[in-house]
Amino acid sequence: MQAIASFIAKLEYDSLPPEIIKDAKYRILDWLGSALAGVRYKPSHIVTQMAIEAGGVAQATILQSGLKAPVAQAALVNGVIGHVAELDDGHRLAIAHPGAVTVPVALAVAECFNKTGKELLTAIVAGYEVLIRLGIAVNPAHYQIWHATGTCGTFAAAATAASLLKLEPLKVQMALGIAGTMAAGLQASFGTHAKPLNAGHACQSGVQAALLALHGFTGPGDIFCGDKGFIRATTTDYNGEILAEIGKSSLMTNTAFFKVYASCGHTNSPLTAMFRIIDRYDLPLDSIKQVQIETYRTAVELTAQLKYDTEEAAKFSLPYCIAAALVHKKVTLAEFSPDKLNDPVILGIARRIQVIEDPEATKVFPQRRATVKVELANKQVIVESVEAADDTPRYDVLENKFLSLTASSLDKQAAQQIKEMVLCMEKIDDLQVLMQHLRLKR
């Protein structure tokens, strides 16, 4: 714990490699795109209204509400908003969404305490490293029940806030200890409004933990490895080396991915295989007899059923997502609109899709292996496999993704201004200008 706390407390912008700084800026941009698309969702409206009714000191911006709220409350609301559209980034091995629990915390705390762009970037890197390493340390066993974005993400949120608050190592250690007793999030929430709440709650708890530690509040000194600590409570398979090596190298760009489909990350590899088939073959919809997807057990457990009652449920349904890909040749937010969810063409194809476990894919999880087999009416069978997702970042694509996702909430000029400010974050001494753009209703 001391090494982790020391890493967070002593991390400085000038020590960050240029490629990590660049990647961090695109992580912010990508989260903002997802969040500005997420402001229209019902969970976002509910938590925003809750914050408005609660009132309080105006410390940090709530996205697109025109309002400021107490810093931990703003982190909660924006944490929900940023995760609800299922378009924020993730990490394969940590099985979690780092941006969801670091960027909203960094923006809220930096705004409240008048921090610079360099300090914000540094804090985000600290949060990413904590989440990625802790996620790898406890997974995949942890992910059988727990939602790592909510659980491990609480520590990442605390690390992000502690970095911005310039806490000394002992107080960072206390912040992590306090965060550990608030860390929560269950997979039972998937497909409901409570899933993005896991991210928002992690953000809120992390900010509160760091603020309490700032004022001298104490927590357990060895929250990770203690006999009754987080690791003993939440996993049966622990990799301690990955945590011990924090600060020696960065894992931020190691199997961290940006979302290209607006659905659960466990649908990604099957969708990639399906789109390869779509790109190479002419597939009239009436020629498709059945589709079989073979993938790892976790994906089967979470996504095998046909679900389309709500957008949240459909995003966790491989039959729906694959059928939408076949019908519309894309899986964006538009494919989860109410009219699409009840489209008899999509549902007719979805009912011909079977998702089964591939024991070999399960063995190598969290590597995301999938095989898609399309059987046609003429008895031809087309097979495509994905051994592991290609997570090489394409920053030009991410800029276009941001502009596309914000088209419904920002005018082009405002979106372009925000993009330019984020990509020049290290030059910003006063974040109020950026936050003003994010606060204004359009």
Protein backbone atom coordinates (compact mmCIF):
# COMPACT_ATOMS: atom_id res chain seq x y z
CA MET A 1 0.00 0.00 0.00
CA GLN A 2 2.83 2.41 0.81
CA ALA A 3 4.30 2.02 -2.69
CA ILE A 4 0.93 2.70 -4.30
CA ALA A 5 0.26 5.72 -2.11
CA SER A 6 3.74 7.05 -2.79
CA PHE A 7 3.27 6.64 -6.54
CA ILE A 8 0.03 8.65 -6.46
CA ALA A 9 1.44 11.37 -4.21
CA LYS A 10 4.71 11.83 -6.10
CA LEU A 11 3.56 11.49 -9.72
CA GLU A 12 4.39 14.67 -11.63
CA TYR A 13 3.44 15.87 -15.10
CA ASP A 14 7.07 16.31 -16.15
CA SER A 15 7.73 12.60 -15.50
CA LEU A 16 5.02 11.44 -17.91
CA PRO A 17 6.15 10.15 -21.32
CA PRO A 18 4.77 12.15 -24.28
CA GLU A 19 2.78 9.16 -25.57
CA ILE A 20 1.02 8.81 -22.21
CA ILE A 21 0.16 12.52 -22.15
CA LYS A 22 -1.25 12.29 -25.66
CA ASP A 23 -3.26 9.20 -24.80
CA ALA A 24 -4.62 10.82 -21.63
CA LYS A 25 -5.93 13.77 -23.62
CA TYR A 26 -7.76 11.45 -26.00
CA ARG A 27 -9.17 9.54 -23.00
CA ILE A 28 -10.68 12.81 -21.79
CA LEU A 29 -12.04 13.62 -25.25
CA ASP A 30 -13.52 10.14 -25.64
CA TRP A 31 -15.20 10.28 -22.24
CA LEU A 32 -16.63 13.72 -23.00
CA GLY A 33 -18.10 12.45 -26.26
CA SER A 34 -19.78 9.56 -24.46
CA ALA A 35 -21.00 11.89 -21.71
CA LEU A 36 -22.41 14.53 -24.04
CA ALA A 37 -24.27 11.76 -25.84
CA GLY A 38 -25.41 10.42 -22.45
CA VAL A 39 -27.04 13.63 -21.23
CA ARG A 40 -30.27 12.73 -23.04
CA TYR A 41 -30.81 9.42 -21.22
CA LYS A 42 -33.37 8.90 -18.47
CA PRO A 43 -30.82 7.94 -15.77
CA SER A 44 -28.96 11.17 -16.54
CA HIS A 45 -32.14 13.20 -16.17
CA ILE A 46 -32.99 11.52 -12.88
CA VAL A 47 -29.61 12.06 -11.21
CA THR A 48 -29.38 15.62 -12.53
CA GLN A 49 -32.81 16.47 -11.15
CA MET A 50 -31.87 14.87 -7.84
CA ALA A 51 -28.80 17.10 -7.63
CA ILE A 52 -30.83 20.19 -8.53
CA GLU A 53 -33.38 19.45 -5.80
CA ALA A 54 -30.64 18.80 -3.22
CA GLY A 55 -28.90 22.09 -3.97
CA GLY A 56 -25.73 22.96 -2.10
CA VAL A 57 -22.55 24.92 -2.68
CA ALA A 58 -21.84 25.55 -6.38
CA GLN A 59 -18.41 23.92 -6.71
CA ALA A 60 -18.32 21.87 -9.91
CA THR A 61 -20.15 21.69 -13.22
CA ILE A 62 -22.93 19.25 -14.00
CA LEU A 63 -22.72 18.64 -17.72
CA GLN A 64 -25.19 20.52 -19.90
CA SER A 65 -27.43 21.43 -16.96
CA GLY A 66 -26.34 25.04 -16.71
CA LEU A 67 -25.63 24.40 -13.04
CA LYS A 68 -22.88 23.73 -10.53
CA ALA A 69 -23.21 21.40 -7.53
CA PRO A 70 -21.08 20.28 -4.58
CA VAL A 71 -17.98 18.59 -5.94
CA ALA A 72 -18.80 14.99 -4.91
CA GLN A 73 -22.38 15.39 -6.17
CA ALA A 74 -21.16 16.68 -9.53
CA ALA A 75 -18.81 13.70 -9.79
CA LEU A 76 -21.72 11.33 -9.09
CA VAL A 77 -23.99 12.90 -11.69
CA ASN A 78 -21.32 13.17 -14.39
CA GLY A 79 -20.15 9.65 -13.62
CA VAL A 80 -23.60 8.32 -14.44
CA ILE A 81 -23.92 10.55 -17.51
CA GLY A 82 -20.55 9.43 -18.88
CA HIS A 83 -21.23 5.69 -18.60
CA VAL A 84 -24.88 5.40 -19.55
CA ALA A 85 -24.41 5.41 -23.35
CA GLU A 86 -21.92 2.48 -23.15
CA LEU A 87 -19.41 4.30 -25.37
CA ASP A 88 -16.67 5.09 -22.85
CA ASP A 89 -13.28 3.39 -22.97
CA GLY A 90 -12.28 0.17 -21.22
CA HIS A 91 -9.39 -2.09 -20.34
CA ARG A 92 -9.40 -5.73 -21.41
CA LEU A 93 -7.35 -7.27 -18.61
CA ALA A 94 -8.74 -5.09 -15.82
CA ILE A 95 -12.26 -5.74 -17.20
CA ALA A 96 -13.30 -2.20 -16.31
CA HIS A 97 -13.87 1.30 -17.68
CA PRO A 98 -11.06 3.58 -16.43
CA GLY A 99 -12.30 6.80 -18.01
CA ALA A 100 -15.69 6.41 -16.35
CA VAL A 101 -14.22 6.77 -12.86
CA THR A 102 -11.26 9.08 -13.44
CA VAL A 103 -12.26 11.79 -15.93
CA PRO A 104 -15.45 13.01 -14.18
CA VAL A 105 -13.58 13.05 -10.86
CA ALA A 106 -10.64 14.94 -12.35
CA LEU A 107 -12.87 17.55 -13.98
CA ALA A 108 -14.92 18.13 -10.83
CA VAL A 109 -12.01 18.32 -8.38
CA ALA A 110 -9.81 20.36 -10.73
CA GLU A 111 -12.60 22.87 -11.27
CA CYS A 112 -13.44 23.10 -7.57
CA PHE A 113 -9.84 23.58 -6.45
CA ASN A 114 -8.60 25.67 -9.40
CA LYS A 115 -6.10 23.15 -10.76
CA THR A 116 -4.31 23.35 -14.11
CA GLY A 117 -4.59 21.17 -17.18
CA LYS A 118 -1.24 19.58 -16.39
CA GLU A 119 -2.41 18.65 -12.90
CA LEU A 120 -5.63 17.23 -14.33
CA LEU A 121 -3.74 15.05 -16.84
CA THR A 122 -1.40 13.79 -14.11
CA ALA A 123 -4.31 12.85 -11.86
CA ILE A 124 -6.03 10.95 -14.65
CA VAL A 125 -2.86 8.93 -15.31
CA ALA A 126 -2.63 8.11 -11.60
CA GLY A 127 -6.24 6.94 -11.55
CA TYR A 128 -5.82 4.82 -14.67
CA GLU A 129 -2.75 3.08 -13.28
CA VAL A 130 -4.49 2.23 -10.01
CA LEU A 131 -7.61 0.86 -11.70
CA ILE A 132 -5.75 -1.11 -14.35
CA ARG A 133 -3.31 -2.71 -11.93
CA LEU A 134 -5.92 -3.49 -9.28
CA GLY A 135 -8.32 -4.81 -11.91
CA ILE A 136 -5.68 -7.14 -13.32
CA ALA A 137 -4.68 -8.20 -9.81
CA VAL A 138 -8.16 -9.43 -8.82
CA ASN A 139 -9.54 -10.59 -12.17
CA PRO A 140 -10.93 -12.63 -13.80
CA ALA A 141 -12.28 -14.26 -10.61
CA HIS A 142 -13.50 -10.89 -9.26
CA TYR A 143 -15.61 -10.33 -12.38
CA GLN A 144 -17.71 -13.44 -11.78
CA ILE A 145 -19.91 -11.35 -9.46
CA TRP A 146 -18.48 -7.87 -9.07
CA HIS A 147 -18.59 -4.94 -11.50
CA ALA A 148 -14.95 -3.88 -11.46
CA THR A 149 -15.75 -0.37 -12.71
CA GLY A 150 -17.67 0.19 -9.50
CA THR A 151 -15.40 -1.70 -7.10
CA CYS A 152 -11.84 -1.13 -8.35
CA GLY A 153 -13.06 2.14 -9.82
CA THR A 154 -13.68 3.60 -6.36
CA PHE A 155 -9.96 3.32 -5.63
CA ALA A 156 -9.12 4.89 -8.99
CA ALA A 157 -11.47 7.78 -8.26
CA ALA A 158 -9.83 8.29 -4.86
CA ALA A 159 -6.38 8.19 -6.47
CA THR A 160 -7.41 10.77 -9.05
CA ALA A 161 -8.82 13.11 -6.43
CA ALA A 162 -5.87 12.57 -4.07
CA SER A 163 -3.42 13.46 -6.84
CA LEU A 164 -5.22 16.74 -7.54
CA LEU A 165 -5.48 17.57 -3.85
CA LYS A 166 -1.72 17.00 -3.46
CA LEU A 167 -2.18 14.64 -0.53
CA GLU A 168 0.97 13.38 1.14
CA PRO A 169 1.59 9.60 0.93
CA LEU A 170 0.08 8.77 4.33
CA LYS A 171 -3.09 10.70 3.54
CA VAL A 172 -3.28 9.02 0.12
CA GLN A 173 -3.08 5.70 1.96
CA MET A 174 -5.95 6.81 4.19
CA ALA A 175 -7.97 7.95 1.17
CA LEU A 176 -7.59 4.52 -0.42
CA GLY A 177 -8.52 2.86 2.86
CA ILE A 178 -11.66 4.96 3.17
CA ALA A 179 -12.51 4.30 -0.48
CA GLY A 180 -12.23 0.57 0.08
CA THR A 181 -15.01 0.46 2.60
CA MET A 182 -17.29 2.28 0.11
CA ALA A 183 -16.29 0.27 -2.99
CA ALA A 184 -19.29 -1.49 -4.52
CA GLY A 185 -20.94 -2.62 -7.73
CA LEU A 186 -22.58 -5.90 -8.76
CA GLN A 187 -23.12 -7.47 -12.16
CA ALA A 188 -26.75 -7.91 -11.20
CA SER A 189 -27.09 -4.25 -12.19
CA PHE A 190 -26.20 -4.85 -15.85
CA GLY A 191 -28.92 -3.89 -18.27
CA THR A 192 -30.53 -1.49 -15.76
CA HIS A 193 -30.08 2.12 -14.68
CA ALA A 194 -28.01 0.87 -11.75
CA LYS A 195 -25.15 -0.14 -14.05
CA PRO A 196 -24.03 3.45 -14.81
CA LEU A 197 -24.79 4.26 -11.17
CA ASN A 198 -21.91 1.95 -10.26
CA ALA A 199 -19.58 4.33 -12.08
CA GLY A 200 -21.20 7.44 -10.62
CA HIS A 201 -21.13 6.05 -7.09
CA ALA A 202 -17.44 5.16 -7.49
CA CYS A 203 -16.72 8.75 -8.55
CA GLN A 204 -18.65 10.20 -5.63
CA SER A 205 -17.09 7.83 -3.10
CA GLY A 206 -13.58 8.45 -4.38
CA VAL A 207 -13.97 12.23 -4.08
CA GLN A 208 -15.44 11.92 -0.61
CA ALA A 209 -12.65 9.58 0.49
CA ALA A 210 -9.94 11.98 -0.67
CA LEU A 211 -11.63 14.98 0.93
CA LEU A 212 -12.04 13.14 4.23
CA ALA A 213 -8.37 12.13 4.18
CA LEU A 214 -7.42 15.74 3.40
CA HIS A 215 -9.03 16.78 6.69
CA GLY A 216 -7.41 14.03 8.75
CA PHE A 217 -10.05 11.28 8.56
CA THR A 218 -8.47 7.82 8.83
CA GLY A 219 -9.07 4.46 7.24
CA PRO A 220 -7.38 1.06 7.14
CA GLY A 221 -3.73 1.26 6.16
CA ASP A 222 -3.70 -1.98 4.15
CA ILE A 223 -7.09 -2.02 2.47
CA PHE A 224 -5.92 -4.18 -0.43
CA CYS A 225 -4.00 -7.05 1.18
CA GLY A 226 -5.20 -7.04 4.78
CA ASP A 227 -6.78 -10.18 6.24
CA LYS A 228 -10.21 -8.57 5.98
CA GLY A 229 -9.43 -6.27 3.08
CA PHE A 230 -10.68 -5.78 -0.45
CA ILE A 231 -8.77 -8.63 -2.08
CA ARG A 232 -9.78 -11.28 0.47
CA ALA A 233 -13.39 -10.11 0.18
CA THR A 234 -13.74 -10.02 -3.60
CA THR A 235 -11.50 -12.55 -5.36
CA THR A 236 -10.17 -16.09 -5.13
CA ASP A 237 -7.31 -15.49 -7.55
CA TYR A 238 -4.88 -12.66 -6.85
CA ASN A 239 -1.85 -11.43 -8.82
CA GLY A 240 0.16 -9.33 -6.37
CA GLU A 241 3.11 -8.58 -8.65
CA ILE A 242 1.13 -6.28 -10.91
CA LEU A 243 0.35 -3.96 -7.98
CA ALA A 244 3.87 -4.08 -6.58
CA GLU A 245 5.26 -2.87 -9.90
CA ILE A 246 3.25 0.36 -10.01
CA GLY A 247 5.39 3.25 -11.18
CA LYS A 248 7.95 1.08 -12.97
CA SER A 249 6.07 1.23 -16.28
CA SER A 250 2.69 2.41 -17.50
CA LEU A 251 -0.14 0.03 -18.38
CA MET A 252 -2.41 2.83 -19.57
CA THR A 253 -2.04 1.97 -23.25
CA ASN A 254 -1.66 -1.79 -22.69
CA THR A 255 -4.92 -3.39 -23.85
CA ALA A 256 -6.84 -0.24 -22.98
CA PHE A 257 -9.43 0.19 -25.70
CA PHE A 258 -11.76 2.78 -27.13
CA LYS A 259 -15.32 1.65 -27.89
CA VAL A 260 -16.38 1.44 -31.53
CA TYR A 261 -19.78 -0.18 -30.88
CA ALA A 262 -22.50 1.31 -28.65
CA SER A 263 -22.97 -1.92 -26.71
CA CYS A 264 -21.48 -3.98 -23.90
CA GLY A 265 -17.76 -4.64 -24.30
CA HIS A 266 -18.41 -8.40 -24.30
CA THR A 267 -20.22 -8.03 -27.64
CA ASN A 268 -17.15 -6.48 -29.31
CA SER A 269 -15.28 -9.52 -30.61
CA PRO A 270 -18.39 -11.24 -32.03
CA LEU A 271 -19.40 -7.97 -33.68
CA THR A 272 -15.93 -7.53 -35.16
CA ALA A 273 -16.14 -11.06 -36.61
CA MET A 274 -19.64 -10.37 -37.92
CA PHE A 275 -18.60 -7.14 -39.63
CA ARG A 276 -15.68 -8.93 -41.32
CA ILE A 277 -18.23 -11.34 -42.80
CA ILE A 278 -20.54 -8.50 -43.81
CA ASP A 279 -17.65 -6.72 -45.54
CA ARG A 280 -16.68 -9.79 -47.57
CA TYR A 281 -19.99 -11.42 -48.46
CA ASP A 282 -23.29 -10.45 -49.95
CA LEU A 283 -25.76 -11.62 -47.31
CA PRO A 284 -29.42 -11.08 -48.24
CA LEU A 285 -31.29 -11.23 -44.96
CA ASP A 286 -33.67 -13.91 -46.17
CA SER A 287 -30.70 -16.15 -47.02
CA ILE A 288 -29.57 -16.38 -43.38
CA LYS A 289 -30.80 -19.63 -41.86
CA GLN A 290 -29.04 -19.28 -38.52
CA VAL A 291 -26.05 -17.72 -36.80
CA GLN A 292 -24.00 -19.39 -34.09
CA ILE A 293 -21.62 -17.45 -31.87
CA GLU A 294 -19.01 -19.28 -29.84
CA THR A 295 -17.25 -17.24 -27.19
CA TYR A 296 -16.08 -17.20 -23.57
CA ARG A 297 -18.35 -18.04 -20.63
CA THR A 298 -18.62 -14.51 -19.21
CA ALA A 299 -19.92 -13.19 -22.53
CA VAL A 300 -22.39 -16.06 -22.73
CA GLU A 301 -23.66 -15.47 -19.20
CA LEU A 302 -24.08 -11.73 -19.71
CA THR A 303 -25.17 -11.42 -23.34
CA ALA A 304 -26.56 -14.72 -24.73
CA GLN A 305 -30.23 -13.95 -24.23
CA LEU A 306 -32.34 -11.98 -26.68
CA LYS A 307 -33.34 -8.83 -24.80
CA TYR A 308 -34.95 -5.76 -26.32
CA ASP A 309 -37.41 -4.35 -23.82
CA THR A 310 -35.12 -1.39 -23.16
CA GLU A 311 -32.01 0.14 -24.69
CA GLU A 312 -30.01 -0.88 -21.61
CA ALA A 313 -31.09 -4.51 -21.98
CA ALA A 314 -30.50 -4.65 -25.74
CA LYS A 315 -26.93 -3.42 -25.34
CA PHE A 316 -26.31 -6.58 -23.29
CA SER A 317 -27.87 -8.88 -25.87
CA LEU A 318 -25.63 -10.44 -28.51
CA PRO A 319 -28.58 -11.76 -30.57
CA TYR A 320 -29.98 -8.23 -30.79
CA CYS A 321 -26.61 -6.58 -31.49
CA ILE A 322 -25.62 -9.09 -34.18
CA ALA A 323 -29.04 -8.82 -35.82
CA ALA A 324 -28.81 -5.03 -35.80
CA ALA A 325 -25.39 -5.28 -37.43
CA LEU A 326 -26.79 -7.51 -40.18
CA VAL A 327 -29.76 -5.23 -40.85
CA HIS A 328 -28.15 -1.79 -40.53
CA LYS A 329 -24.44 -2.56 -41.12
CA LYS A 330 -23.56 -0.63 -37.96
CA VAL A 331 -24.10 -0.71 -34.19
CA THR A 332 -24.35 2.90 -33.04
CA LEU A 333 -26.71 4.58 -30.60
CA ALA A 334 -29.29 4.85 -33.39
CA GLU A 335 -29.64 1.06 -33.51
CA PHE A 336 -30.99 1.10 -29.94
CA SER A 337 -33.72 3.70 -30.49
CA PRO A 338 -37.30 2.61 -29.57
CA ASP A 339 -38.35 2.06 -33.18
CA LYS A 340 -35.35 -0.21 -33.80
CA LEU A 341 -35.86 -2.21 -30.61
CA ASN A 342 -39.23 -3.40 -31.88
CA ASP A 343 -38.26 -3.77 -35.54
CA PRO A 344 -39.70 -7.15 -36.65
CA VAL A 345 -36.87 -7.59 -39.17
CA ILE A 346 -34.17 -7.25 -36.48
CA LEU A 347 -36.08 -9.44 -34.06
CA GLY A 348 -36.75 -12.08 -36.72
CA ILE A 349 -33.03 -12.45 -37.38
CA ALA A 350 -32.16 -12.22 -33.68
CA ARG A 351 -34.30 -15.28 -33.00
CA ARG A 352 -32.07 -17.26 -35.38
CA ILE A 353 -28.94 -16.42 -33.40
CA GLN A 354 -27.50 -18.79 -30.81
CA VAL A 355 -24.71 -17.94 -28.38
CA ILE A 356 -22.77 -20.83 -26.83
CA GLU A 357 -19.62 -21.24 -24.79
CA ASP A 358 -16.29 -22.09 -26.38
CA PRO A 359 -14.26 -23.75 -23.59
CA GLU A 360 -11.01 -22.70 -25.25
CA ALA A 361 -12.13 -19.08 -25.31
CA THR A 362 -13.06 -19.33 -21.64
CA LYS A 363 -9.58 -20.63 -20.82
CA VAL A 364 -7.89 -17.52 -22.25
CA PHE A 365 -10.35 -14.93 -20.90
CA PRO A 366 -9.93 -11.94 -20.36
CA GLN A 367 -8.58 -12.27 -23.90
CA ARG A 368 -11.72 -11.73 -25.99
CA ARG A 369 -11.98 -14.68 -28.39
CA ALA A 370 -15.07 -15.31 -30.54
CA THR A 371 -16.14 -17.32 -33.58
CA VAL A 372 -19.17 -16.49 -35.70
CA LYS A 373 -20.73 -19.11 -37.98
CA VAL A 374 -23.37 -18.02 -40.46
CA GLU A 375 -25.37 -20.82 -42.08
CA LEU A 376 -27.16 -19.83 -45.29
CA ALA A 377 -30.26 -21.33 -46.83
CA ASN A 378 -28.12 -22.98 -49.56
CA LYS A 379 -26.24 -24.83 -46.73
CA GLN A 380 -23.10 -22.72 -47.14
CA VAL A 381 -21.45 -21.96 -43.80
CA ILE A 382 -19.31 -18.85 -43.38
CA VAL A 383 -16.94 -18.83 -40.42
CA GLU A 384 -14.94 -15.94 -38.98
CA SER A 385 -12.90 -15.91 -35.78
CA VAL A 386 -11.38 -13.15 -33.69
CA GLU A 387 -8.57 -14.34 -31.44
CA ALA A 388 -8.20 -11.06 -29.60
CA ALA A 389 -9.53 -7.56 -30.08
CA ASP A 390 -7.37 -5.07 -31.98
CA ASP A 391 -7.05 -2.16 -29.56
CA THR A 392 -4.59 -0.02 -31.48
CA PRO A 393 -5.86 3.54 -30.94
CA ARG A 394 -6.70 5.57 -34.03
CA TYR A 395 -6.78 9.12 -32.81
CA ASP A 396 -8.26 10.55 -36.01
CA VAL A 397 -11.19 8.16 -35.63
CA LEU A 398 -11.62 9.24 -32.01
CA GLU A 399 -11.83 12.90 -33.01
CA ASN A 400 -14.55 12.06 -35.51
CA LYS A 401 -16.31 9.90 -32.89
CA PHE A 402 -16.34 12.88 -30.51
CA LEU A 403 -17.76 15.24 -33.12
CA SER A 404 -20.40 12.69 -34.11
CA LEU A 405 -21.49 11.93 -30.54
CA THR A 406 -21.79 15.61 -29.61
CA ALA A 407 -23.77 16.63 -32.69
CA SER A 408 -27.08 16.39 -30.82
CA SER A 409 -25.93 18.42 -27.81
CA LEU A 410 -23.43 20.96 -29.19
CA ASP A 411 -23.20 23.13 -32.27
CA LYS A 412 -20.21 22.41 -34.50
CA GLN A 413 -18.25 25.45 -33.38
CA ALA A 414 -18.64 24.62 -29.68
CA ALA A 415 -17.71 20.97 -30.26
CA GLN A 416 -14.62 22.00 -32.20
CA GLN A 417 -13.60 24.46 -29.46
CA ILE A 418 -13.94 21.80 -26.77
CA LYS A 419 -11.93 19.33 -28.84
CA GLU A 420 -9.12 21.83 -29.35
CA MET A 421 -9.03 22.75 -25.65
CA VAL A 422 -8.87 19.12 -24.57
CA LEU A 423 -6.11 18.27 -27.04
CA CYS A 424 -4.14 21.25 -25.72
CA MET A 425 -4.98 20.50 -22.10
CA GLU A 426 -1.42 20.95 -20.86
CA LYS A 427 -1.60 24.63 -21.87
CA ILE A 428 -4.70 25.39 -19.81
CA ASP A 429 -4.10 27.27 -16.57
CA ASP A 430 -7.77 27.97 -15.84
CA LEU A 431 -10.26 25.16 -16.48
CA GLN A 432 -13.22 27.47 -16.01
CA VAL A 433 -13.28 28.25 -19.74
CA LEU A 434 -13.59 24.59 -20.66
CA MET A 435 -16.17 23.94 -17.95
CA GLN A 436 -18.23 26.89 -19.12
CA HIS A 437 -18.52 25.26 -22.54
CA LEU A 438 -19.57 21.99 -20.89
CA ARG A 439 -22.13 23.69 -18.65
CA LEU A 440 -24.00 25.66 -21.30
CA LYS A 441 -27.26 24.25 -22.58
CA ARG A 442 -27.56 24.19 -26.37
